[in-house]
């Protein structure tokens, strides 16, 4: 069976965009309803500046995108490395 290589940039962008949208969505939900406050509080301990106001949500989205973009680059790089061996 043959496997295809992953594009680290595309994989990183996909993961980064997905996670940033989830962080943004939960931040907006928590702003209007208390259902997302626990999520925001737990993520807030990792992403400094992330909070339930609009500036905090924007900061959290930016940090989340960068975080998962780098994670996606690393994971795709490992996948491609082990695919060769």
N, C-alpha and C. Protein backbone atom coordinates (compact mmCIF):
# COMPACT_ATOMS: atom_id res chain seq x y z
N UNK A 1 0.84 -1.17 0.00
CA UNK A 1 0.00 0.00 0.00
C UNK A 1 0.89 1.24 0.00
N UNK A 2 0.55 2.21 -0.82
CA UNK A 2 1.34 3.44 -0.88
C UNK A 2 0.58 4.57 -0.17
N UNK A 3 1.33 5.39 0.50
CA UNK A 3 0.77 6.52 1.22
C UNK A 3 1.31 7.81 0.62
N UNK A 4 0.50 8.82 0.62
CA UNK A 4 0.91 10.11 0.09
C UNK A 4 1.50 10.98 1.20
N UNK A 5 2.41 11.87 0.78
CA UNK A 5 2.98 12.81 1.74
C UNK A 5 1.96 13.91 2.04
N UNK A 6 2.09 14.49 3.20
CA UNK A 6 1.26 15.62 3.59
C UNK A 6 2.01 16.92 3.31
N UNK A 7 1.28 17.93 2.94
CA UNK A 7 1.86 19.26 2.83
C UNK A 7 1.84 19.89 4.21
N UNK A 8 3.01 20.12 4.82
CA UNK A 8 3.02 20.69 6.17
C UNK A 8 2.33 22.06 6.24
N UNK A 9 2.51 22.88 5.22
CA UNK A 9 1.89 24.20 5.24
C UNK A 9 0.37 24.09 5.20
N UNK A 10 -0.16 23.24 4.30
CA UNK A 10 -1.60 23.08 4.19
C UNK A 10 -2.19 22.45 5.46
N UNK A 11 -1.50 21.48 6.01
CA UNK A 11 -1.97 20.83 7.23
C UNK A 11 -1.96 21.82 8.40
N UNK A 12 -0.89 22.60 8.50
CA UNK A 12 -0.80 23.60 9.56
C UNK A 12 -1.87 24.67 9.42
N UNK A 13 -2.11 25.13 8.20
CA UNK A 13 -3.15 26.13 7.98
C UNK A 13 -4.54 25.58 8.32
N UNK A 14 -4.78 24.33 7.96
CA UNK A 14 -6.08 23.71 8.25
C UNK A 14 -6.31 23.60 9.75
N UNK A 15 -5.33 23.08 10.45
CA UNK A 15 -5.47 22.94 11.91
C UNK A 15 -5.55 24.30 12.59
N UNK A 16 -4.73 25.23 12.15
CA UNK A 16 -4.73 26.56 12.75
C UNK A 16 -6.05 27.27 12.56
N UNK A 17 -6.59 27.21 11.36
CA UNK A 17 -7.86 27.87 11.08
C UNK A 17 -8.99 27.21 11.87
N UNK A 18 -9.01 25.89 11.90
CA UNK A 18 -10.06 25.19 12.65
C UNK A 18 -10.03 25.55 14.13
N UNK A 19 -8.84 25.49 14.74
CA UNK A 19 -8.76 25.75 16.17
C UNK A 19 -9.05 27.21 16.49
N UNK A 20 -8.59 28.12 15.64
CA UNK A 20 -8.89 29.54 15.86
C UNK A 20 -10.39 29.80 15.78
N UNK A 21 -11.07 29.16 14.84
CA UNK A 21 -12.52 29.32 14.74
C UNK A 21 -13.24 28.75 15.96
N UNK A 22 -12.77 27.63 16.47
CA UNK A 22 -13.38 27.05 17.66
C UNK A 22 -13.18 27.95 18.88
N UNK A 23 -11.99 28.48 19.04
CA UNK A 23 -11.71 29.39 20.16
C UNK A 23 -12.57 30.64 20.03
N UNK A 24 -12.70 31.16 18.81
CA UNK A 24 -13.53 32.34 18.57
C UNK A 24 -15.01 32.04 18.86
N UNK A 25 -15.48 30.92 18.37
CA UNK A 25 -16.88 30.55 18.57
C UNK A 25 -17.21 30.40 20.05
N UNK A 26 -16.38 29.68 20.80
CA UNK A 26 -16.64 29.51 22.22
C UNK A 26 -16.51 30.82 22.97
N UNK A 27 -15.61 31.69 22.54
CA UNK A 27 -15.50 33.01 23.17
C UNK A 27 -16.75 33.84 22.97
N UNK A 28 -17.29 33.81 21.75
CA UNK A 28 -18.52 34.56 21.46
C UNK A 28 -19.70 33.97 22.22
N UNK A 29 -19.80 32.66 22.25
CA UNK A 29 -20.88 32.02 23.01
C UNK A 29 -20.78 32.38 24.48
N UNK A 30 -19.57 32.35 25.03
CA UNK A 30 -19.39 32.68 26.45
C UNK A 30 -19.69 34.15 26.72
N UNK A 31 -19.52 35.00 25.73
CA UNK A 31 -19.82 36.42 25.91
C UNK A 31 -21.32 36.65 26.12
N UNK A 32 -22.14 35.86 25.44
CA UNK A 32 -23.58 36.05 25.51
C UNK A 32 -24.30 35.05 26.42
N UNK A 33 -23.67 33.92 26.71
CA UNK A 33 -24.32 32.87 27.48
C UNK A 33 -23.27 32.19 28.36
N UNK A 34 -23.59 31.81 29.57
CA UNK A 34 -22.57 31.21 30.46
C UNK A 34 -22.15 29.79 30.09
N UNK A 35 -22.67 29.25 28.99
CA UNK A 35 -22.36 27.86 28.67
C UNK A 35 -20.89 27.66 28.26
N UNK A 36 -20.24 28.68 27.70
CA UNK A 36 -18.86 28.51 27.24
C UNK A 36 -17.82 29.06 28.18
N UNK A 37 -18.22 29.51 29.37
CA UNK A 37 -17.29 30.15 30.29
C UNK A 37 -16.23 29.18 30.79
N UNK A 38 -16.59 27.95 31.06
CA UNK A 38 -15.60 26.96 31.52
C UNK A 38 -14.52 26.73 30.48
N UNK A 39 -14.92 26.63 29.22
CA UNK A 39 -13.94 26.45 28.15
C UNK A 39 -13.00 27.65 28.09
N UNK A 40 -13.56 28.84 28.12
CA UNK A 40 -12.74 30.06 28.06
C UNK A 40 -11.78 30.11 29.25
N UNK A 41 -12.25 29.78 30.42
CA UNK A 41 -11.38 29.81 31.60
C UNK A 41 -10.25 28.80 31.50
N UNK A 42 -10.52 27.62 30.96
CA UNK A 42 -9.45 26.63 30.84
C UNK A 42 -8.45 27.02 29.76
N UNK A 43 -8.92 27.53 28.63
CA UNK A 43 -8.01 27.94 27.56
C UNK A 43 -7.26 29.21 27.96
N UNK A 44 -7.90 30.04 28.77
CA UNK A 44 -7.29 31.29 29.23
C UNK A 44 -6.02 31.04 30.05
N UNK A 45 -5.94 29.88 30.69
CA UNK A 45 -4.75 29.57 31.45
C UNK A 45 -3.55 29.28 30.56
N UNK A 46 -3.79 28.95 29.29
CA UNK A 46 -2.71 28.67 28.34
C UNK A 46 -2.47 29.87 27.43
N UNK A 47 -3.52 30.49 26.94
CA UNK A 47 -3.41 31.62 26.02
C UNK A 47 -3.59 32.91 26.80
N UNK A 48 -2.47 33.52 27.15
CA UNK A 48 -2.48 34.76 27.93
C UNK A 48 -3.13 35.87 27.10
N UNK A 49 -4.11 36.53 27.65
CA UNK A 49 -4.80 37.60 26.96
C UNK A 49 -6.17 37.21 26.46
N UNK A 50 -6.46 35.90 26.41
CA UNK A 50 -7.75 35.43 25.95
C UNK A 50 -8.78 35.66 27.05
N UNK A 51 -9.87 36.32 26.70
CA UNK A 51 -10.92 36.60 27.67
C UNK A 51 -12.26 36.69 26.95
N UNK A 52 -13.31 37.03 27.68
CA UNK A 52 -14.66 37.01 27.12
C UNK A 52 -15.05 38.34 26.47
N UNK A 53 -14.14 39.28 26.35
CA UNK A 53 -14.47 40.50 25.60
C UNK A 53 -13.93 40.38 24.16
N UNK A 54 -14.29 41.31 23.32
CA UNK A 54 -13.96 41.19 21.89
C UNK A 54 -12.47 41.26 21.62
N UNK A 55 -11.76 42.09 22.33
CA UNK A 55 -10.30 42.16 22.16
C UNK A 55 -9.65 40.86 22.62
N UNK A 56 -10.11 40.33 23.75
CA UNK A 56 -9.59 39.07 24.26
C UNK A 56 -9.87 37.90 23.33
N UNK A 57 -11.05 37.91 22.71
CA UNK A 57 -11.38 36.85 21.75
C UNK A 57 -10.45 36.94 20.54
N UNK A 58 -10.19 38.15 20.05
CA UNK A 58 -9.29 38.33 18.91
C UNK A 58 -7.87 37.87 19.26
N UNK A 59 -7.40 38.21 20.45
CA UNK A 59 -6.08 37.78 20.89
C UNK A 59 -6.02 36.26 21.00
N UNK A 60 -7.05 35.66 21.58
CA UNK A 60 -7.10 34.20 21.70
C UNK A 60 -7.12 33.51 20.35
N UNK A 61 -7.85 34.07 19.41
CA UNK A 61 -7.91 33.48 18.06
C UNK A 61 -6.55 33.53 17.38
N UNK A 62 -5.86 34.65 17.52
CA UNK A 62 -4.54 34.79 16.92
C UNK A 62 -3.55 33.80 17.52
N UNK A 63 -3.53 33.73 18.84
CA UNK A 63 -2.62 32.80 19.52
C UNK A 63 -2.98 31.36 19.16
N UNK A 64 -4.26 31.04 19.12
CA UNK A 64 -4.69 29.68 18.79
C UNK A 64 -4.28 29.31 17.38
N UNK A 65 -4.42 30.25 16.44
CA UNK A 65 -4.01 29.97 15.06
C UNK A 65 -2.52 29.67 14.98
N UNK A 66 -1.71 30.53 15.59
CA UNK A 66 -0.25 30.34 15.54
C UNK A 66 0.13 29.03 16.22
N UNK A 67 -0.47 28.75 17.37
CA UNK A 67 -0.18 27.53 18.12
C UNK A 67 -0.44 26.28 17.28
N UNK A 68 -1.63 26.19 16.70
CA UNK A 68 -1.97 24.99 15.94
C UNK A 68 -1.32 24.96 14.57
N UNK A 69 -0.97 26.11 14.00
CA UNK A 69 -0.23 26.11 12.74
C UNK A 69 1.14 25.46 12.95
N UNK A 70 1.83 25.86 14.00
CA UNK A 70 3.13 25.26 14.29
C UNK A 70 2.98 23.78 14.62
N UNK A 71 1.96 23.43 15.38
CA UNK A 71 1.69 22.02 15.71
C UNK A 71 1.46 21.22 14.43
N UNK A 72 0.67 21.76 13.49
CA UNK A 72 0.41 21.07 12.23
C UNK A 72 1.66 20.90 11.40
N UNK A 73 2.52 21.91 11.37
CA UNK A 73 3.80 21.79 10.66
C UNK A 73 4.64 20.65 11.22
N UNK A 74 4.71 20.58 12.53
CA UNK A 74 5.52 19.56 13.19
C UNK A 74 4.94 18.17 12.94
N UNK A 75 3.64 18.02 13.10
CA UNK A 75 3.01 16.71 12.92
C UNK A 75 3.16 16.24 11.47
N UNK A 76 2.92 17.12 10.51
CA UNK A 76 3.07 16.72 9.10
C UNK A 76 4.52 16.42 8.78
N UNK A 77 5.44 17.16 9.38
CA UNK A 77 6.86 16.87 9.18
C UNK A 77 7.24 15.50 9.71
N UNK A 78 6.77 15.16 10.90
CA UNK A 78 7.01 13.83 11.45
C UNK A 78 6.38 12.74 10.58
N UNK A 79 5.16 12.99 10.14
CA UNK A 79 4.48 12.01 9.30
C UNK A 79 5.28 11.76 8.02
N UNK A 80 5.71 12.81 7.37
CA UNK A 80 6.48 12.65 6.13
C UNK A 80 7.83 11.99 6.38
N UNK A 81 8.45 12.30 7.52
CA UNK A 81 9.72 11.69 7.86
C UNK A 81 9.57 10.17 8.05
N UNK A 82 8.57 9.77 8.81
CA UNK A 82 8.37 8.35 9.07
C UNK A 82 7.79 7.61 7.88
N UNK A 83 7.17 8.33 6.96
CA UNK A 83 6.67 7.71 5.74
C UNK A 83 7.80 7.23 4.86
N UNK A 84 8.92 7.94 4.86
CA UNK A 84 10.08 7.57 4.05
C UNK A 84 10.76 6.31 4.59
N UNK A 85 10.72 6.14 5.92
CA UNK A 85 11.45 5.03 6.54
C UNK A 85 10.61 3.80 6.67
